[in-house]
Amino acid sequence: MGKKSRRSNRSKQRNTAPAAALDEDQALETSESCSRSKHKDGKSSGNPQKYTYASGDVYEGEFKDGKMNGNGKYTCASGDVYEGEFKDGKISGNGKFTYAHGAVYEGEFKDAERNGNGKYTCANGDVYDGEFRDDLMNGNCKYTCASGAVSEGEFKDGKMTGNGKYTHANGDVYEGESKDGKMNGNGKYTCAGGAVYEGEFKDDEMNGNCKRTCANGDVSEGEHKMAK
């Protein structure tokens, strides 16, 4: 996790659309010592053991050939706690990681990074449920903000990219293409008040010609700006 954590700075929640991923304050990162520590004291193996590191970190669990292998619990001096499976001295398999700042990840890990299906609950109540790859949100997912906004669709490197649906907290709904966490490409934006915009979007704005259907049924085509 640690060596890729700098990439999480790219995933920031935007106020105008729920398309983006986690806020920088809820960065998906694990302390280097907690995710990658290895037991180097001899060749201990077998039944669960307890090992306290000079850093103050504590591992309780199974060892094989002097490395953490099997089920265990790793408590970092920083307050982060991981409980689950280890392989060759690294977090690998299914487990639960509780961050000192209050966030919790439950799901699959590989080589000390989030890889596979998982659920990440932020300290502020936001919830991401879906696929991870290389420690970032990649694949199909559902992202529910504490505010009530919901993003469903394809994510790439922590941001909504591809086809998806954004439901805003105020009731507005966008269905269509996105890129880098913004409305980009063809889509349909339905306002809670009843107006509908259909056409091409760029960086969260209408771009070029579109079709606007007003709440009263009037229809016009041309260049329009969305009333927000």
C-alpha atoms as a PDB file:
ATOM      1  CA  MET A   1       0.000   0.000   0.000  1.00  0.00           C
ATOM      2  CA  GLY A   2       2.583   2.462   1.062  1.00  0.00           C
ATOM      3  CA  LYS A   3       4.493   2.926  -2.181  1.00  0.00           C
ATOM      4  CA  LYS A   4       1.345   3.640  -4.158  1.00  0.00           C
ATOM      5  CA  SER A   5      -0.371   5.890  -1.633  1.00  0.00           C
ATOM      6  CA  ARG A   6       0.779   9.053  -3.397  1.00  0.00           C
ATOM      7  CA  ARG A   7      -1.594   8.193  -6.202  1.00  0.00           C
ATOM      8  CA  SER A   8      -4.541   8.582  -3.893  1.00  0.00           C
ATOM      9  CA  ASN A   9      -4.040  12.366  -3.954  1.00  0.00           C
ATOM     10  CA  ARG A  10      -5.643  12.295  -7.377  1.00  0.00           C
ATOM     11  CA  SER A  11      -8.913  11.020  -5.924  1.00  0.00           C
ATOM     12  CA  LYS A  12     -10.785  14.005  -4.486  1.00  0.00           C
ATOM     13  CA  GLN A  13     -14.498  14.385  -3.879  1.00  0.00           C
ATOM     14  CA  ARG A  14     -16.050  17.270  -5.828  1.00  0.00           C
ATOM     15  CA  ASN A  15     -18.982  19.258  -4.467  1.00  0.00           C
ATOM     16  CA  THR A  16     -20.768  19.543  -7.826  1.00  0.00           C
ATOM     17  CA  ALA A  17     -20.963  15.848  -8.664  1.00  0.00           C
ATOM     18  CA  PRO A  18     -20.570  12.607  -6.771  1.00  0.00           C
ATOM     19  CA  ALA A  19     -18.498  11.181  -9.590  1.00  0.00           C
ATOM     20  CA  ALA A  20     -15.120  11.564  -7.960  1.00  0.00           C
ATOM     21  CA  ALA A  21     -13.652   9.276  -5.344  1.00  0.00           C
ATOM     22  CA  LEU A  22     -12.442   9.734  -1.801  1.00  0.00           C
ATOM     23  CA  ASP A  23     -11.418  13.019  -0.260  1.00  0.00           C
ATOM     24  CA  GLU A  24      -7.688  13.476   0.288  1.00  0.00           C
ATOM     25  CA  ASP A  25      -8.362  13.413   4.035  1.00  0.00           C
ATOM     26  CA  GLN A  26      -9.648   9.870   3.623  1.00  0.00           C
ATOM     27  CA  ALA A  27      -6.704   8.834   1.464  1.00  0.00           C
ATOM     28  CA  LEU A  28      -6.521   5.106   0.945  1.00  0.00           C
ATOM     29  CA  GLU A  29      -3.169   4.445   2.506  1.00  0.00           C
ATOM     30  CA  THR A  30      -1.527   2.104   4.969  1.00  0.00           C
ATOM     31  CA  SER A  31       1.571   2.887   6.996  1.00  0.00           C
ATOM     32  CA  GLU A  32       4.674   1.349   5.459  1.00  0.00           C
ATOM     33  CA  SER A  33       5.651  -0.436   8.654  1.00  0.00           C
ATOM     34  CA  CYS A  34       2.207  -1.935   9.115  1.00  0.00           C
ATOM     35  CA  SER A  35       1.727  -3.277   5.587  1.00  0.00           C
ATOM     36  CA  ARG A  36       5.214  -4.530   4.805  1.00  0.00           C
ATOM     37  CA  SER A  37       6.897  -5.546   8.067  1.00  0.00           C
ATOM     38  CA  LYS A  38       8.498  -8.974   8.192  1.00  0.00           C
ATOM     39  CA  HIS A  39       9.453 -11.143  11.144  1.00  0.00           C
ATOM     40  CA  LYS A  40      13.200 -11.612  10.802  1.00  0.00           C
ATOM     41  CA  ASP A  41      13.988 -13.342  14.067  1.00  0.00           C
ATOM     42  CA  GLY A  42      15.089 -16.846  13.148  1.00  0.00           C
ATOM     43  CA  LYS A  43      12.918 -19.400  11.409  1.00  0.00           C
ATOM     44  CA  SER A  44       9.932 -19.587  13.735  1.00  0.00           C
ATOM     45  CA  SER A  45       6.917 -21.420  12.350  1.00  0.00           C
ATOM     46  CA  GLY A  46       3.712 -23.070  13.422  1.00  0.00           C
ATOM     47  CA  ASN A  47       1.194 -22.076  16.060  1.00  0.00           C
ATOM     48  CA  PRO A  48       0.178 -18.453  16.670  1.00  0.00           C
ATOM     49  CA  GLN A  49       2.921 -16.406  18.275  1.00  0.00           C
ATOM     50  CA  LYS A  50       3.343 -12.832  19.437  1.00  0.00           C
ATOM     51  CA  TYR A  51       6.168 -10.625  18.234  1.00  0.00           C
ATOM     52  CA  THR A  52       6.807  -7.023  19.308  1.00  0.00           C
ATOM     53  CA  TYR A  53       8.946  -4.869  17.019  1.00  0.00           C
ATOM     54  CA  ALA A  54      11.316  -2.143  18.171  1.00  0.00           C
ATOM     55  CA  SER A  55       9.003   0.381  16.501  1.00  0.00           C
ATOM     56  CA  GLY A  56       6.219  -0.567  18.875  1.00  0.00           C
ATOM     57  CA  ASP A  57       4.253  -2.531  16.255  1.00  0.00           C
ATOM     58  CA  VAL A  58       2.874  -5.884  17.428  1.00  0.00           C
ATOM     59  CA  TYR A  59       2.084  -9.000  15.409  1.00  0.00           C
ATOM     60  CA  GLU A  60       0.052 -11.878  16.813  1.00  0.00           C
ATOM     61  CA  GLY A  61      -0.503 -14.834  14.567  1.00  0.00           C
ATOM     62  CA  GLU A  62       1.020 -17.572  12.470  1.00  0.00           C
ATOM     63  CA  PHE A  63       4.546 -17.718  11.079  1.00  0.00           C
ATOM     64  CA  LYS A  64       6.221 -19.894   8.494  1.00  0.00           C
ATOM     65  CA  ASP A  65       9.943 -19.803   7.699  1.00  0.00           C
ATOM     66  CA  GLY A  66      10.369 -16.707   9.829  1.00  0.00           C
ATOM     67  CA  LYS A  67       7.685 -14.705   8.008  1.00  0.00           C
ATOM     68  CA  MET A  68       4.063 -13.855   8.728  1.00  0.00           C
ATOM     69  CA  ASN A  69       2.020 -16.554   6.995  1.00  0.00           C
ATOM     70  CA  GLY A  70      -1.582 -17.494   7.687  1.00  0.00           C
ATOM     71  CA  ASN A  71      -4.016 -15.661   9.929  1.00  0.00           C
ATOM     72  CA  GLY A  72      -2.867 -12.895  12.197  1.00  0.00           C
ATOM     73  CA  LYS A  73      -3.354  -9.473  13.715  1.00  0.00           C
ATOM     74  CA  TYR A  74      -0.919  -6.614  13.177  1.00  0.00           C
ATOM     75  CA  THR A  75      -1.251  -3.545  15.396  1.00  0.00           C
ATOM     76  CA  CYS A  76       0.792  -0.519  14.370  1.00  0.00           C
ATOM     77  CA  ALA A  77       2.183   1.921  16.893  1.00  0.00           C
ATOM     78  CA  SER A  78       0.316   4.584  14.905  1.00  0.00           C
ATOM     79  CA  GLY A  79      -3.022   2.995  15.832  1.00  0.00           C
ATOM     80  CA  ASP A  80      -3.751   1.255  12.509  1.00  0.00           C
ATOM     81  CA  VAL A  81      -4.878  -2.386  12.934  1.00  0.00           C
ATOM     82  CA  TYR A  82      -5.037  -5.186  10.367  1.00  0.00           C
ATOM     83  CA  GLU A  83      -6.696  -8.539  11.024  1.00  0.00           C
ATOM     84  CA  GLY A  84      -6.698 -11.236   8.389  1.00  0.00           C
ATOM     85  CA  GLU A  85      -4.481 -13.271   6.125  1.00  0.00           C
ATOM     86  CA  PHE A  86      -0.747 -12.901   5.474  1.00  0.00           C
ATOM     87  CA  LYS A  87       1.534 -14.471   2.882  1.00  0.00           C
ATOM     88  CA  ASP A  88       5.336 -14.328   2.790  1.00  0.00           C
ATOM     89  CA  GLY A  89       5.433 -11.487   5.292  1.00  0.00           C
ATOM     90  CA  LYS A  90       2.869  -9.289   3.553  1.00  0.00           C
ATOM     91  CA  ILE A  91      -0.843  -8.629   3.860  1.00  0.00           C
ATOM     92  CA  SER A  92      -2.416 -10.944   1.265  1.00  0.00           C
ATOM     93  CA  GLY A  93      -5.862 -12.523   1.177  1.00  0.00           C
ATOM     94  CA  ASN A  94      -9.029 -11.480   2.965  1.00  0.00           C
ATOM     95  CA  GLY A  95      -8.868  -9.119   5.873  1.00  0.00           C
ATOM     96  CA  LYS A  96     -10.017  -6.015   7.701  1.00  0.00           C
ATOM     97  CA  PHE A  97      -7.908  -2.892   8.038  1.00  0.00           C
ATOM     98  CA  THR A  98      -8.985  -0.303  10.589  1.00  0.00           C
ATOM     99  CA  TYR A  99      -7.264   3.056  10.211  1.00  0.00           C
ATOM    100  CA  ALA A 100      -6.373   5.215  13.184  1.00  0.00           C
ATOM    101  CA  HIS A 101      -8.353   8.110  11.674  1.00  0.00           C
ATOM    102  CA  GLY A 102     -11.549   6.044  11.696  1.00  0.00           C
ATOM    103  CA  ALA A 103     -11.835   4.616   8.189  1.00  0.00           C
ATOM    104  CA  VAL A 104     -12.282   0.856   7.671  1.00  0.00           C
ATOM    105  CA  TYR A 105     -11.510  -1.374   4.674  1.00  0.00           C
ATOM    106  CA  GLU A 106     -12.824  -4.922   4.485  1.00  0.00           C
ATOM    107  CA  GLY A 107     -12.022  -7.127   1.536  1.00  0.00           C
ATOM    108  CA  GLU A 108      -9.252  -8.620  -0.545  1.00  0.00           C
ATOM    109  CA  PHE A 109      -5.554  -7.756  -0.471  1.00  0.00           C
ATOM    110  CA  LYS A 110      -2.578  -8.836  -2.570  1.00  0.00           C
ATOM    111  CA  ASP A 111       1.058  -8.020  -1.798  1.00  0.00           C
ATOM    112  CA  ALA A 112       0.070  -5.457   0.843  1.00  0.00           C
ATOM    113  CA  GLU A 113      -2.278  -3.547  -1.468  1.00  0.00           C
ATOM    114  CA  ARG A 114      -6.048  -3.547  -1.898  1.00  0.00           C
ATOM    115  CA  ASN A 115      -6.738  -5.829  -4.843  1.00  0.00           C
ATOM    116  CA  GLY A 116     -10.096  -7.475  -5.510  1.00  0.00           C
ATOM    117  CA  ASN A 117     -13.528  -6.837  -4.073  1.00  0.00           C
ATOM    118  CA  GLY A 118     -13.813  -4.694  -0.994  1.00  0.00           C
ATOM    119  CA  LYS A 119     -15.713  -2.126   0.987  1.00  0.00           C
ATOM    120  CA  TYR A 120     -14.145   1.090   2.234  1.00  0.00           C
ATOM    121  CA  THR A 121     -16.034   3.116   4.830  1.00  0.00           C
ATOM    122  CA  CYS A 122     -14.661   6.612   5.416  1.00  0.00           C
ATOM    123  CA  ALA A 123     -14.617   8.266   8.795  1.00  0.00           C
ATOM    124  CA  ASN A 124     -17.142  10.824   7.496  1.00  0.00           C
ATOM    125  CA  GLY A 125     -19.644   8.102   6.514  1.00  0.00           C
ATOM    126  CA  ASP A 126     -18.918   7.877   2.782  1.00  0.00           C
ATOM    127  CA  VAL A 127     -18.914   4.271   1.526  1.00  0.00           C
ATOM    128  CA  TYR A 128     -17.244   2.714  -1.502  1.00  0.00           C
ATOM    129  CA  ASP A 129     -18.287  -0.821  -2.380  1.00  0.00           C
ATOM    130  CA  GLY A 130     -16.711  -2.504  -5.373  1.00  0.00           C
ATOM    131  CA  GLU A 131     -13.466  -3.440  -7.065  1.00  0.00           C
ATOM    132  CA  PHE A 132      -9.922  -2.376  -6.226  1.00  0.00           C
ATOM    133  CA  ARG A 133      -6.739  -2.777  -8.244  1.00  0.00           C
ATOM    134  CA  ASP A 134      -3.252  -1.587  -7.266  1.00  0.00           C
ATOM    135  CA  ASP A 135      -4.649  -0.008  -4.085  1.00  0.00           C
ATOM    136  CA  LEU A 136      -7.096   2.235  -5.969  1.00  0.00           C
ATOM    137  CA  MET A 137     -10.750   1.953  -7.013  1.00  0.00           C
ATOM    138  CA  ASN A 138     -10.812   0.242 -10.413  1.00  0.00           C
ATOM    139  CA  GLY A 139     -13.758  -1.504 -12.025  1.00  0.00           C
ATOM    140  CA  ASN A 140     -17.456  -1.494 -11.237  1.00  0.00           C
ATOM    141  CA  CYS A 141     -18.508   0.098  -8.004  1.00  0.00           C
ATOM    142  CA  LYS A 142     -21.057   1.995  -6.000  1.00  0.00           C
ATOM    143  CA  TYR A 143     -19.946   5.074  -4.113  1.00  0.00           C
ATOM    144  CA  THR A 144     -22.396   6.490  -1.594  1.00  0.00           C
ATOM    145  CA  CYS A 145     -21.638   9.862  -0.023  1.00  0.00           C
ATOM    146  CA  ALA A 146     -22.828  10.713   3.464  1.00  0.00           C
ATOM    147  CA  SER A 147     -24.619  13.665   1.860  1.00  0.00           C
ATOM    148  CA  GLY A 148     -26.865  11.245  -0.042  1.00  0.00           C
ATOM    149  CA  ALA A 149     -25.204  11.511  -3.459  1.00  0.00           C
ATOM    150  CA  VAL A 150     -24.544   8.179  -5.209  1.00  0.00           C
ATOM    151  CA  SER A 151     -22.193   7.199  -8.057  1.00  0.00           C
ATOM    152  CA  GLU A 152     -22.620   3.861  -9.796  1.00  0.00           C
ATOM    153  CA  GLY A 153     -20.540   2.630 -12.700  1.00  0.00           C
ATOM    154  CA  GLU A 154     -16.971   2.270 -13.887  1.00  0.00           C
ATOM    155  CA  PHE A 155     -13.988   3.636 -11.984  1.00  0.00           C
ATOM    156  CA  LYS A 156     -10.379   3.959 -13.115  1.00  0.00           C
ATOM    157  CA  ASP A 157      -7.520   4.831 -10.760  1.00  0.00           C
ATOM    158  CA  GLY A 158      -9.920   6.172  -8.165  1.00  0.00           C
ATOM    159  CA  LYS A 159     -12.141   8.280 -10.440  1.00  0.00           C
ATOM    160  CA  MET A 160     -15.370   7.619 -12.320  1.00  0.00           C
ATOM    161  CA  THR A 161     -14.406   6.912 -15.936  1.00  0.00           C
ATOM    162  CA  GLY A 162     -16.674   5.248 -18.491  1.00  0.00           C
ATOM    163  CA  ASN A 163     -20.402   4.713 -18.306  1.00  0.00           C
ATOM    164  CA  GLY A 164     -22.179   5.481 -15.097  1.00  0.00           C
ATOM    165  CA  LYS A 165     -24.988   7.100 -13.194  1.00  0.00           C
ATOM    166  CA  TYR A 166     -24.686   9.997 -10.746  1.00  0.00           C
ATOM    167  CA  THR A 167     -27.561  10.763  -8.435  1.00  0.00           C
ATOM    168  CA  HIS A 168     -27.028  14.079  -6.675  1.00  0.00           C
ATOM    169  CA  ALA A 169     -28.221  14.761  -3.153  1.00  0.00           C
ATOM    170  CA  ASN A 170     -30.698  17.330  -4.530  1.00  0.00           C
ATOM    171  CA  GLY A 171     -32.324  14.723  -6.791  1.00  0.00           C
ATOM    172  CA  ASP A 172     -30.623  15.617 -10.093  1.00  0.00           C
ATOM    173  CA  VAL A 173     -29.524  12.560 -12.101  1.00  0.00           C
ATOM    174  CA  TYR A 174     -26.866  12.203 -14.782  1.00  0.00           C
ATOM    175  CA  GLU A 175     -26.619   9.043 -16.889  1.00  0.00           C
ATOM    176  CA  GLY A 176     -23.903   8.668 -19.476  1.00  0.00           C
ATOM    177  CA  GLU A 177     -20.187   8.886 -20.084  1.00  0.00           C
ATOM    178  CA  SER A 178     -17.598  10.343 -17.747  1.00  0.00           C
ATOM    179  CA  LYS A 179     -13.845  10.799 -17.587  1.00  0.00           C
ATOM    180  CA  ASP A 180     -11.590  11.616 -14.637  1.00  0.00           C
ATOM    181  CA  GLY A 181     -14.568  12.062 -12.333  1.00  0.00           C
ATOM    182  CA  LYS A 182     -16.425  14.549 -14.541  1.00  0.00           C
ATOM    183  CA  MET A 183     -19.285  14.370 -17.032  1.00  0.00           C
ATOM    184  CA  ASN A 184     -17.524  13.910 -20.378  1.00  0.00           C
ATOM    185  CA  GLY A 185     -19.114  12.484 -23.509  1.00  0.00           C
ATOM    186  CA  ASN A 186     -22.710  11.738 -24.372  1.00  0.00           C
ATOM    187  CA  GLY A 187     -25.224  11.765 -21.590  1.00  0.00           C
ATOM    188  CA  LYS A 188     -28.569  12.735 -20.175  1.00  0.00           C
ATOM    189  CA  TYR A 189     -29.007  15.109 -17.238  1.00  0.00           C
ATOM    190  CA  THR A 190     -32.397  15.154 -15.530  1.00  0.00           C
ATOM    191  CA  CYS A 191     -32.998  17.979 -13.088  1.00  0.00           C
ATOM    192  CA  ALA A 192     -35.097  17.395  -9.996  1.00  0.00           C
ATOM    193  CA  GLY A 193     -37.384  20.173 -11.225  1.00  0.00           C
ATOM    194  CA  GLY A 194     -38.221  18.231 -14.388  1.00  0.00           C
ATOM    195  CA  ALA A 195     -35.990  19.757 -17.071  1.00  0.00           C
ATOM    196  CA  VAL A 196     -33.948  17.319 -19.154  1.00  0.00           C
ATOM    197  CA  TYR A 197     -30.739  17.969 -21.108  1.00  0.00           C
ATOM    198  CA  GLU A 198     -29.501  15.419 -23.648  1.00  0.00           C
ATOM    199  CA  GLY A 199     -26.312  15.707 -25.651  1.00  0.00           C
ATOM    200  CA  GLU A 200     -22.586  16.047 -25.281  1.00  0.00           C
ATOM    201  CA  PHE A 201     -20.860  17.098 -22.073  1.00  0.00           C
ATOM    202  CA  LYS A 202     -17.339  18.307 -21.393  1.00  0.00           C
ATOM    203  CA  ASP A 203     -15.857  18.877 -17.934  1.00  0.00           C
ATOM    204  CA  ASP A 204     -19.295  18.840 -16.286  1.00  0.00           C
ATOM    205  CA  GLU A 205     -20.859  21.331 -18.728  1.00  0.00           C
ATOM    206  CA  MET A 206     -22.976  21.021 -21.892  1.00  0.00           C
ATOM    207  CA  ASN A 207     -20.711  21.217 -24.918  1.00  0.00           C
ATOM    208  CA  GLY A 208     -22.224  22.180 -28.271  1.00  0.00           C
ATOM    209  CA  ASN A 209     -25.707  21.299 -29.432  1.00  0.00           C
ATOM    210  CA  CYS A 210     -28.129  19.554 -27.156  1.00  0.00           C
ATOM    211  CA  LYS A 211     -31.788  18.885 -26.689  1.00  0.00           C
ATOM    212  CA  ARG A 212     -33.569  20.534 -23.780  1.00  0.00           C
ATOM    213  CA  THR A 213     -36.981  19.403 -22.624  1.00  0.00           C
ATOM    214  CA  CYS A 214     -38.562  21.760 -20.132  1.00  0.00           C
ATOM    215  CA  ALA A 215     -40.732  20.623 -17.264  1.00  0.00           C
ATOM    216  CA  ASN A 216     -43.807  22.019 -19.056  1.00  0.00           C
ATOM    217  CA  GLY A 217     -43.080  19.921 -22.137  1.00  0.00           C
ATOM    218  CA  ASP A 218     -41.466  22.592 -24.332  1.00  0.00           C
ATOM    219  CA  VAL A 219     -38.572  21.255 -26.412  1.00  0.00           C
ATOM    220  CA  SER A 220     -35.691  23.159 -27.956  1.00  0.00           C
ATOM    221  CA  GLU A 221     -32.460  22.181 -29.656  1.00  0.00           C
ATOM    222  CA  GLY A 222     -29.238  24.146 -29.870  1.00  0.00           C
ATOM    223  CA  GLU A 223     -26.558  25.361 -27.529  1.00  0.00           C
ATOM    224  CA  HIS A 224     -27.761  25.430 -23.955  1.00  0.00           C
ATOM    225  CA  LYS A 225     -26.364  26.043 -20.522  1.00  0.00           C
ATOM    226  CA  MET A 226     -27.743  23.957 -17.698  1.00  0.00           C
ATOM    227  CA  ALA A 227     -29.599  25.908 -15.063  1.00  0.00           C
ATOM    228  CA  LYS A 228     -28.133  24.875 -11.716  1.00  0.00           C
END
